[in-house]
Amino acid sequence: MNILFCFFFSLLSLASEQQSADIFDMDGKEKKFTFSAERVYDKETMTYTATFKDNAGVVVANESATVTKGQLVKYEVERITTKEKGVIEVKEGKIHFSYTENGKTSTAKDNIKEDTLVSAMLVPFLTSRMNDLLAKKDVSFRYAVWFRKEVVGFKFSLESDEARKAVIKMVPSNLLYRSLVKPIYFTFEKSSKKLISIKGRTLPKINEGGSWRDFDGFSKYQ
């Protein structure tokens, strides 16, 4: 168990945190989606809920998670537009995946290891390790990919460090995966550790030419 991560949760006992963002194209010009989320901290447990909407206000994707003592308990995600659902659950030392697409479900499982994260855990984990990152120390973790039903090694590293803000890059640890997966960039205000923006892959897909495609966007947090 990551001690710093758990300490972060204990400090936020019986508290809640709301986040919202507008999601634009990568140039930050055309708004595509909105995002809203809430993290509720009750003693050592974090409950997370998030919703993505299109510009008409229609819900296109949502996700939820329960995390206790910095460890994943359960994560659920739904991409409504593409009729995809995923459930990740940790039981008896195993991480269990269930993925449904167009009514067909497949499953898989793997051994659970320390610092295994889902998207709901990325920002709290990153914040808890910010001092290491600002000291130019890479931070490794494992990321549970719901639609692939597997756990992949990733790392955070310091991309740039300015007077008031820092940019943290997230990439796969494996060189082959790194050549296939684009980096995600998290920009934080250094003094408050407040998230300013995320640039990279988002949960909703976008319809182009009648087909649903992955969407890389610029999420500007309010």
C-alpha atoms as a PDB file:
ATOM      1  CA  MET A   1       0.000   0.000   0.000  1.00  0.00           C
ATOM      2  CA  ASN A   2       1.344   3.449  -0.886  1.00  0.00           C
ATOM      3  CA  ILE A   3       1.825   5.263   2.429  1.00  0.00           C
ATOM      4  CA  LEU A   4       1.659   8.766   0.951  1.00  0.00           C
ATOM      5  CA  PHE A   5      -1.510   7.920  -0.971  1.00  0.00           C
ATOM      6  CA  CYS A   6      -3.202   6.602   2.182  1.00  0.00           C
ATOM      7  CA  PHE A   7      -2.100   9.632   4.159  1.00  0.00           C
ATOM      8  CA  PHE A   8      -3.652  11.846   1.504  1.00  0.00           C
ATOM      9  CA  PHE A   9      -6.985  10.055   1.972  1.00  0.00           C
ATOM     10  CA  SER A  10      -6.842  10.267   5.775  1.00  0.00           C
ATOM     11  CA  LEU A  11      -6.400  14.034   5.609  1.00  0.00           C
ATOM     12  CA  LEU A  12      -9.605  14.312   3.578  1.00  0.00           C
ATOM     13  CA  SER A  13     -11.801  12.285   5.929  1.00  0.00           C
ATOM     14  CA  LEU A  14     -15.468  13.282   5.725  1.00  0.00           C
ATOM     15  CA  ALA A  15     -14.862  15.735   2.904  1.00  0.00           C
ATOM     16  CA  SER A  16     -15.913  16.074  -0.703  1.00  0.00           C
ATOM     17  CA  GLU A  17     -14.383  17.542  -3.804  1.00  0.00           C
ATOM     18  CA  GLN A  18     -16.127  18.590  -7.013  1.00  0.00           C
ATOM     19  CA  GLN A  19     -14.466  18.968 -10.380  1.00  0.00           C
ATOM     20  CA  SER A  20     -15.741  20.209 -13.720  1.00  0.00           C
ATOM     21  CA  ALA A  21     -14.137  20.763 -17.083  1.00  0.00           C
ATOM     22  CA  ASP A  22     -14.871  21.721 -20.648  1.00  0.00           C
ATOM     23  CA  ILE A  23     -13.334  19.307 -23.152  1.00  0.00           C
ATOM     24  CA  PHE A  24     -12.112  20.816 -26.411  1.00  0.00           C
ATOM     25  CA  ASP A  25     -10.280  19.534 -29.444  1.00  0.00           C
ATOM     26  CA  MET A  26      -6.503  19.298 -28.998  1.00  0.00           C
ATOM     27  CA  ASP A  27      -6.076  22.908 -30.099  1.00  0.00           C
ATOM     28  CA  GLY A  28      -8.481  24.068 -27.387  1.00  0.00           C
ATOM     29  CA  LYS A  29     -10.765  25.796 -29.885  1.00  0.00           C
ATOM     30  CA  GLU A  30     -13.865  23.674 -30.424  1.00  0.00           C
ATOM     31  CA  LYS A  31     -15.776  22.468 -27.367  1.00  0.00           C
ATOM     32  CA  LYS A  32     -16.862  18.837 -27.662  1.00  0.00           C
ATOM     33  CA  PHE A  33     -17.931  17.665 -24.184  1.00  0.00           C
ATOM     34  CA  THR A  34     -18.339  18.696 -20.566  1.00  0.00           C
ATOM     35  CA  PHE A  35     -17.144  16.741 -17.547  1.00  0.00           C
ATOM     36  CA  SER A  36     -18.268  16.805 -13.926  1.00  0.00           C
ATOM     37  CA  ALA A  37     -17.098  14.647 -11.039  1.00  0.00           C
ATOM     38  CA  GLU A  38     -17.284  14.330  -7.280  1.00  0.00           C
ATOM     39  CA  ARG A  39     -14.974  12.572  -4.865  1.00  0.00           C
ATOM     40  CA  VAL A  40     -16.430  11.910  -1.422  1.00  0.00           C
ATOM     41  CA  TYR A  41     -13.970  10.948   1.313  1.00  0.00           C
ATOM     42  CA  ASP A  42     -15.347   9.121   4.345  1.00  0.00           C
ATOM     43  CA  LYS A  43     -12.538   8.107   6.682  1.00  0.00           C
ATOM     44  CA  GLU A  44     -10.347   5.803   4.564  1.00  0.00           C
ATOM     45  CA  THR A  45     -12.757   5.348   1.649  1.00  0.00           C
ATOM     46  CA  MET A  46     -13.122   7.478  -1.469  1.00  0.00           C
ATOM     47  CA  THR A  47     -16.274   7.234  -3.576  1.00  0.00           C
ATOM     48  CA  TYR A  48     -16.005   8.713  -7.054  1.00  0.00           C
ATOM     49  CA  THR A  49     -18.683   9.499  -9.638  1.00  0.00           C
ATOM     50  CA  ALA A  50     -18.222  11.251 -12.981  1.00  0.00           C
ATOM     51  CA  THR A  51     -20.352  12.161 -15.982  1.00  0.00           C
ATOM     52  CA  PHE A  52     -19.491  13.241 -19.525  1.00  0.00           C
ATOM     53  CA  LYS A  53     -22.055  15.128 -21.628  1.00  0.00           C
ATOM     54  CA  ASP A  54     -22.099  16.338 -25.211  1.00  0.00           C
ATOM     55  CA  ASN A  55     -22.838  19.947 -26.148  1.00  0.00           C
ATOM     56  CA  ALA A  56     -26.572  19.224 -26.127  1.00  0.00           C
ATOM     57  CA  GLY A  57     -26.367  18.109 -22.506  1.00  0.00           C
ATOM     58  CA  VAL A  58     -26.874  14.419 -23.315  1.00  0.00           C
ATOM     59  CA  VAL A  59     -24.899  11.988 -21.129  1.00  0.00           C
ATOM     60  CA  VAL A  60     -22.438  10.065 -23.319  1.00  0.00           C
ATOM     61  CA  ALA A  61     -20.321   8.314 -20.668  1.00  0.00           C
ATOM     62  CA  ASN A  62     -20.072   7.871 -16.923  1.00  0.00           C
ATOM     63  CA  GLU A  63     -17.864   6.154 -14.394  1.00  0.00           C
ATOM     64  CA  SER A  64     -17.741   5.406 -10.678  1.00  0.00           C
ATOM     65  CA  ALA A  65     -15.223   3.958  -8.272  1.00  0.00           C
ATOM     66  CA  THR A  66     -14.733   2.922  -4.662  1.00  0.00           C
ATOM     67  CA  VAL A  67     -11.231   3.094  -3.192  1.00  0.00           C
ATOM     68  CA  THR A  68     -10.323   2.119   0.372  1.00  0.00           C
ATOM     69  CA  LYS A  69      -6.952   2.862   1.979  1.00  0.00           C
ATOM     70  CA  GLY A  70      -5.587   3.830  -1.407  1.00  0.00           C
ATOM     71  CA  GLN A  71      -6.524   0.454  -2.886  1.00  0.00           C
ATOM     72  CA  LEU A  72      -9.084  -0.119  -5.611  1.00  0.00           C
ATOM     73  CA  VAL A  73     -12.244  -1.929  -4.534  1.00  0.00           C
ATOM     74  CA  LYS A  74     -14.506  -1.489  -7.557  1.00  0.00           C
ATOM     75  CA  TYR A  75     -14.629   0.553 -10.751  1.00  0.00           C
ATOM     76  CA  GLU A  76     -17.544   0.772 -13.182  1.00  0.00           C
ATOM     77  CA  VAL A  77     -17.605   2.585 -16.515  1.00  0.00           C
ATOM     78  CA  GLU A  78     -20.119   2.982 -19.317  1.00  0.00           C
ATOM     79  CA  ARG A  79     -19.584   4.472 -22.756  1.00  0.00           C
ATOM     80  CA  ILE A  80     -23.220   4.959 -23.728  1.00  0.00           C
ATOM     81  CA  THR A  81     -22.712   5.986 -27.357  1.00  0.00           C
ATOM     82  CA  THR A  82     -20.827   2.789 -28.224  1.00  0.00           C
ATOM     83  CA  LYS A  83     -22.796   0.483 -25.914  1.00  0.00           C
ATOM     84  CA  GLU A  84     -19.728  -0.491 -23.890  1.00  0.00           C
ATOM     85  CA  LYS A  85     -19.603  -1.296 -20.188  1.00  0.00           C
ATOM     86  CA  GLY A  86     -16.754  -2.301 -17.944  1.00  0.00           C
ATOM     87  CA  VAL A  87     -16.470  -3.498 -14.362  1.00  0.00           C
ATOM     88  CA  ILE A  88     -13.196  -3.921 -12.488  1.00  0.00           C
ATOM     89  CA  GLU A  89     -13.360  -5.462  -9.020  1.00  0.00           C
ATOM     90  CA  VAL A  90     -10.673  -6.544  -6.570  1.00  0.00           C
ATOM     91  CA  LYS A  91     -11.438  -9.692  -4.580  1.00  0.00           C
ATOM     92  CA  GLU A  92      -9.156 -12.049  -2.645  1.00  0.00           C
ATOM     93  CA  GLY A  93      -5.946 -10.688  -4.110  1.00  0.00           C
ATOM     94  CA  LYS A  94      -7.189 -10.794  -7.701  1.00  0.00           C
ATOM     95  CA  ILE A  95      -8.331  -8.058 -10.046  1.00  0.00           C
ATOM     96  CA  HIS A  96     -11.387  -9.157 -12.013  1.00  0.00           C
ATOM     97  CA  PHE A  97     -12.402  -7.616 -15.346  1.00  0.00           C
ATOM     98  CA  SER A  98     -15.766  -7.744 -17.073  1.00  0.00           C
ATOM     99  CA  TYR A  99     -16.235  -6.022 -20.421  1.00  0.00           C
ATOM    100  CA  THR A 100     -19.504  -5.816 -22.353  1.00  0.00           C
ATOM    101  CA  GLU A 101     -19.895  -4.530 -25.894  1.00  0.00           C
ATOM    102  CA  ASN A 102     -23.137  -4.740 -27.865  1.00  0.00           C
ATOM    103  CA  GLY A 103     -24.555  -7.189 -25.339  1.00  0.00           C
ATOM    104  CA  LYS A 104     -21.593  -9.591 -25.391  1.00  0.00           C
ATOM    105  CA  THR A 105     -19.546  -9.967 -22.196  1.00  0.00           C
ATOM    106  CA  SER A 106     -16.003 -11.254 -21.723  1.00  0.00           C
ATOM    107  CA  THR A 107     -14.025 -11.620 -18.507  1.00  0.00           C
ATOM    108  CA  ALA A 108     -10.438 -11.891 -17.289  1.00  0.00           C
ATOM    109  CA  LYS A 109      -8.484 -11.746 -14.047  1.00  0.00           C
ATOM    110  CA  ASP A 110      -4.951 -11.032 -12.866  1.00  0.00           C
ATOM    111  CA  ASN A 111      -3.000 -10.780  -9.624  1.00  0.00           C
ATOM    112  CA  ILE A 112      -3.411  -7.422  -7.904  1.00  0.00           C
ATOM    113  CA  LYS A 113      -0.231  -5.494  -7.167  1.00  0.00           C
ATOM    114  CA  GLU A 114       0.627  -2.325  -5.293  1.00  0.00           C
ATOM    115  CA  ASP A 115      -0.263   0.979  -6.923  1.00  0.00           C
ATOM    116  CA  THR A 116      -2.791  -0.463  -9.380  1.00  0.00           C
ATOM    117  CA  LEU A 117      -4.932   2.471 -10.484  1.00  0.00           C
ATOM    118  CA  VAL A 118      -7.984   3.318 -12.574  1.00  0.00           C
ATOM    119  CA  SER A 119      -8.748   6.749 -14.014  1.00  0.00           C
ATOM    120  CA  ALA A 120     -10.615   7.859 -10.880  1.00  0.00           C
ATOM    121  CA  MET A 121      -7.423   7.393  -8.850  1.00  0.00           C
ATOM    122  CA  LEU A 122      -4.917   9.102 -11.131  1.00  0.00           C
ATOM    123  CA  VAL A 123      -5.213  12.677  -9.855  1.00  0.00           C
ATOM    124  CA  PRO A 124      -5.146  11.863  -6.096  1.00  0.00           C
ATOM    125  CA  PHE A 125      -2.209   9.496  -6.653  1.00  0.00           C
ATOM    126  CA  LEU A 126      -0.347  12.034  -8.768  1.00  0.00           C
ATOM    127  CA  THR A 127      -0.965  14.766  -6.200  1.00  0.00           C
ATOM    128  CA  SER A 128       0.353  12.555  -3.401  1.00  0.00           C
ATOM    129  CA  ARG A 129       3.600  12.040  -5.348  1.00  0.00           C
ATOM    130  CA  MET A 130       3.998  15.601  -6.595  1.00  0.00           C
ATOM    131  CA  ASN A 131       7.088  16.333  -4.506  1.00  0.00           C
ATOM    132  CA  ASP A 132       8.893  13.349  -6.023  1.00  0.00           C
ATOM    133  CA  LEU A 133       7.912  14.420  -9.509  1.00  0.00           C
ATOM    134  CA  LEU A 134       9.048  18.004  -8.971  1.00  0.00           C
ATOM    135  CA  ALA A 135      12.355  16.539  -7.824  1.00  0.00           C
ATOM    136  CA  LYS A 136      12.539  14.865 -11.269  1.00  0.00           C
ATOM    137  CA  LYS A 137      11.922  11.371  -9.911  1.00  0.00           C
ATOM    138  CA  ASP A 138       9.740   9.184 -12.113  1.00  0.00           C
ATOM    139  CA  VAL A 139       6.761   7.529 -10.419  1.00  0.00           C
ATOM    140  CA  SER A 140       5.745   4.070 -11.635  1.00  0.00           C
ATOM    141  CA  PHE A 141       2.298   2.503 -11.276  1.00  0.00           C
ATOM    142  CA  ARG A 142       0.026  -0.056 -12.918  1.00  0.00           C
ATOM    143  CA  TYR A 143      -3.054   1.037 -14.845  1.00  0.00           C
ATOM    144  CA  ALA A 144      -6.109  -1.213 -15.210  1.00  0.00           C
ATOM    145  CA  VAL A 145      -7.403  -0.839 -18.781  1.00  0.00           C
ATOM    146  CA  TRP A 146     -11.095  -1.702 -18.602  1.00  0.00           C
ATOM    147  CA  PHE A 147     -11.766  -2.349 -22.312  1.00  0.00           C
ATOM    148  CA  ARG A 148      -8.607  -4.463 -22.780  1.00  0.00           C
ATOM    149  CA  LYS A 149      -9.172  -6.389 -19.527  1.00  0.00           C
ATOM    150  CA  GLU A 150      -5.516  -6.090 -18.541  1.00  0.00           C
ATOM    151  CA  VAL A 151      -3.148  -4.191 -16.286  1.00  0.00           C
ATOM    152  CA  VAL A 152      -0.383  -2.180 -17.973  1.00  0.00           C
ATOM    153  CA  GLY A 153       2.685  -0.579 -16.430  1.00  0.00           C
ATOM    154  CA  PHE A 154       2.788   3.226 -16.670  1.00  0.00           C
ATOM    155  CA  LYS A 155       4.865   6.017 -15.226  1.00  0.00           C
ATOM    156  CA  PHE A 156       4.536   9.713 -14.452  1.00  0.00           C
ATOM    157  CA  SER A 157       7.466  12.003 -15.179  1.00  0.00           C
ATOM    158  CA  LEU A 158       8.084  15.734 -15.024  1.00  0.00           C
ATOM    159  CA  GLU A 159       7.629  17.239 -18.483  1.00  0.00           C
ATOM    160  CA  SER A 160       8.136  20.914 -17.591  1.00  0.00           C
ATOM    161  CA  ASP A 161       8.509  22.992 -14.446  1.00  0.00           C
ATOM    162  CA  GLU A 162       7.660  26.688 -14.513  1.00  0.00           C
ATOM    163  CA  ALA A 163       7.340  29.286 -11.787  1.00  0.00           C
ATOM    164  CA  ARG A 164       3.656  28.695 -11.100  1.00  0.00           C
ATOM    165  CA  LYS A 165       2.773  25.434 -12.823  1.00  0.00           C
ATOM    166  CA  ALA A 166       4.145  22.006 -13.638  1.00  0.00           C
ATOM    167  CA  VAL A 167       3.295  19.593 -16.441  1.00  0.00           C
ATOM    168  CA  ILE A 168       3.373  15.869 -15.684  1.00  0.00           C
ATOM    169  CA  LYS A 169       3.520  13.315 -18.496  1.00  0.00           C
ATOM    170  CA  MET A 170       1.920   9.864 -18.304  1.00  0.00           C
ATOM    171  CA  VAL A 171       3.303   7.165 -20.608  1.00  0.00           C
ATOM    172  CA  PRO A 172       3.484   3.343 -20.660  1.00  0.00           C
ATOM    173  CA  SER A 173       6.623   1.887 -19.106  1.00  0.00           C
ATOM    174  CA  ASN A 174       6.968  -0.670 -21.894  1.00  0.00           C
ATOM    175  CA  LEU A 175       8.724   0.709 -25.003  1.00  0.00           C
ATOM    176  CA  LEU A 176       6.425  -1.155 -27.389  1.00  0.00           C
ATOM    177  CA  TYR A 177       3.280   0.165 -25.706  1.00  0.00           C
ATOM    178  CA  ARG A 178       4.839   3.617 -25.604  1.00  0.00           C
ATOM    179  CA  SER A 179       5.132   3.587 -29.385  1.00  0.00           C
ATOM    180  CA  LEU A 180       1.406   2.817 -29.659  1.00  0.00           C
ATOM    181  CA  VAL A 181      -0.110   4.931 -26.870  1.00  0.00           C
ATOM    182  CA  LYS A 182       0.055   8.717 -26.950  1.00  0.00           C
ATOM    183  CA  PRO A 183       1.181  10.505 -23.758  1.00  0.00           C
ATOM    184  CA  ILE A 184      -1.304  12.238 -21.482  1.00  0.00           C
ATOM    185  CA  TYR A 185      -0.255  15.575 -19.988  1.00  0.00           C
ATOM    186  CA  PHE A 186      -1.512  16.845 -16.617  1.00  0.00           C
ATOM    187  CA  THR A 187      -0.932  20.528 -15.792  1.00  0.00           C
ATOM    188  CA  PHE A 188      -1.042  21.547 -12.133  1.00  0.00           C
ATOM    189  CA  GLU A 189      -0.755  24.787 -10.213  1.00  0.00           C
ATOM    190  CA  LYS A 190       2.292  24.151  -8.061  1.00  0.00           C
ATOM    191  CA  SER A 191       1.351  26.084  -4.926  1.00  0.00           C
ATOM    192  CA  SER A 192      -2.108  24.532  -4.489  1.00  0.00           C
ATOM    193  CA  LYS A 193      -1.560  21.307  -6.483  1.00  0.00           C
ATOM    194  CA  LYS A 194      -4.791  22.192  -8.265  1.00  0.00           C
ATOM    195  CA  LEU A 195      -5.426  20.509 -11.608  1.00  0.00           C
ATOM    196  CA  ILE A 196      -5.537  23.039 -14.453  1.00  0.00           C
ATOM    197  CA  SER A 197      -5.855  20.852 -17.534  1.00  0.00           C
ATOM    198  CA  ILE A 198      -5.404  17.402 -19.060  1.00  0.00           C
ATOM    199  CA  LYS A 199      -4.325  16.896 -22.646  1.00  0.00           C
ATOM    200  CA  GLY A 200      -4.791  13.479 -24.215  1.00  0.00           C
ATOM    201  CA  ARG A 201      -7.193  10.545 -24.515  1.00  0.00           C
ATOM    202  CA  THR A 202     -10.653  11.013 -22.989  1.00  0.00           C
ATOM    203  CA  LEU A 203     -13.386   8.514 -22.112  1.00  0.00           C
ATOM    204  CA  PRO A 204     -16.020   9.602 -24.688  1.00  0.00           C
ATOM    205  CA  LYS A 205     -15.558   8.643 -28.312  1.00  0.00           C
ATOM    206  CA  ILE A 206     -16.436  10.945 -31.189  1.00  0.00           C
ATOM    207  CA  ASN A 207     -18.406  10.126 -34.319  1.00  0.00           C
ATOM    208  CA  GLU A 208     -16.497  10.818 -37.512  1.00  0.00           C
ATOM    209  CA  GLY A 209     -17.863   9.714 -40.868  1.00  0.00           C
ATOM    210  CA  GLY A 210     -20.415   7.455 -39.226  1.00  0.00           C
ATOM    211  CA  SER A 211     -17.831   5.609 -37.088  1.00  0.00           C
ATOM    212  CA  TRP A 212     -16.980   6.006 -33.428  1.00  0.00           C
ATOM    213  CA  ARG A 213     -13.313   6.866 -32.872  1.00  0.00           C
ATOM    214  CA  ASP A 214     -11.103   7.505 -29.870  1.00  0.00           C
ATOM    215  CA  PHE A 215     -10.970  11.187 -28.959  1.00  0.00           C
ATOM    216  CA  ASP A 216      -7.844  13.000 -27.808  1.00  0.00           C
ATOM    217  CA  GLY A 217      -8.819  16.334 -26.349  1.00  0.00           C
ATOM    218  CA  PHE A 218      -7.879  19.267 -24.164  1.00  0.00           C
ATOM    219  CA  SER A 219      -9.771  19.263 -20.857  1.00  0.00           C
ATOM    220  CA  LYS A 220      -9.759  22.684 -19.208  1.00  0.00           C
ATOM    221  CA  TYR A 221     -10.713  22.499 -15.517  1.00  0.00           C
ATOM    222  CA  GLN A 222     -12.731  25.221 -13.801  1.00  0.00           C
END
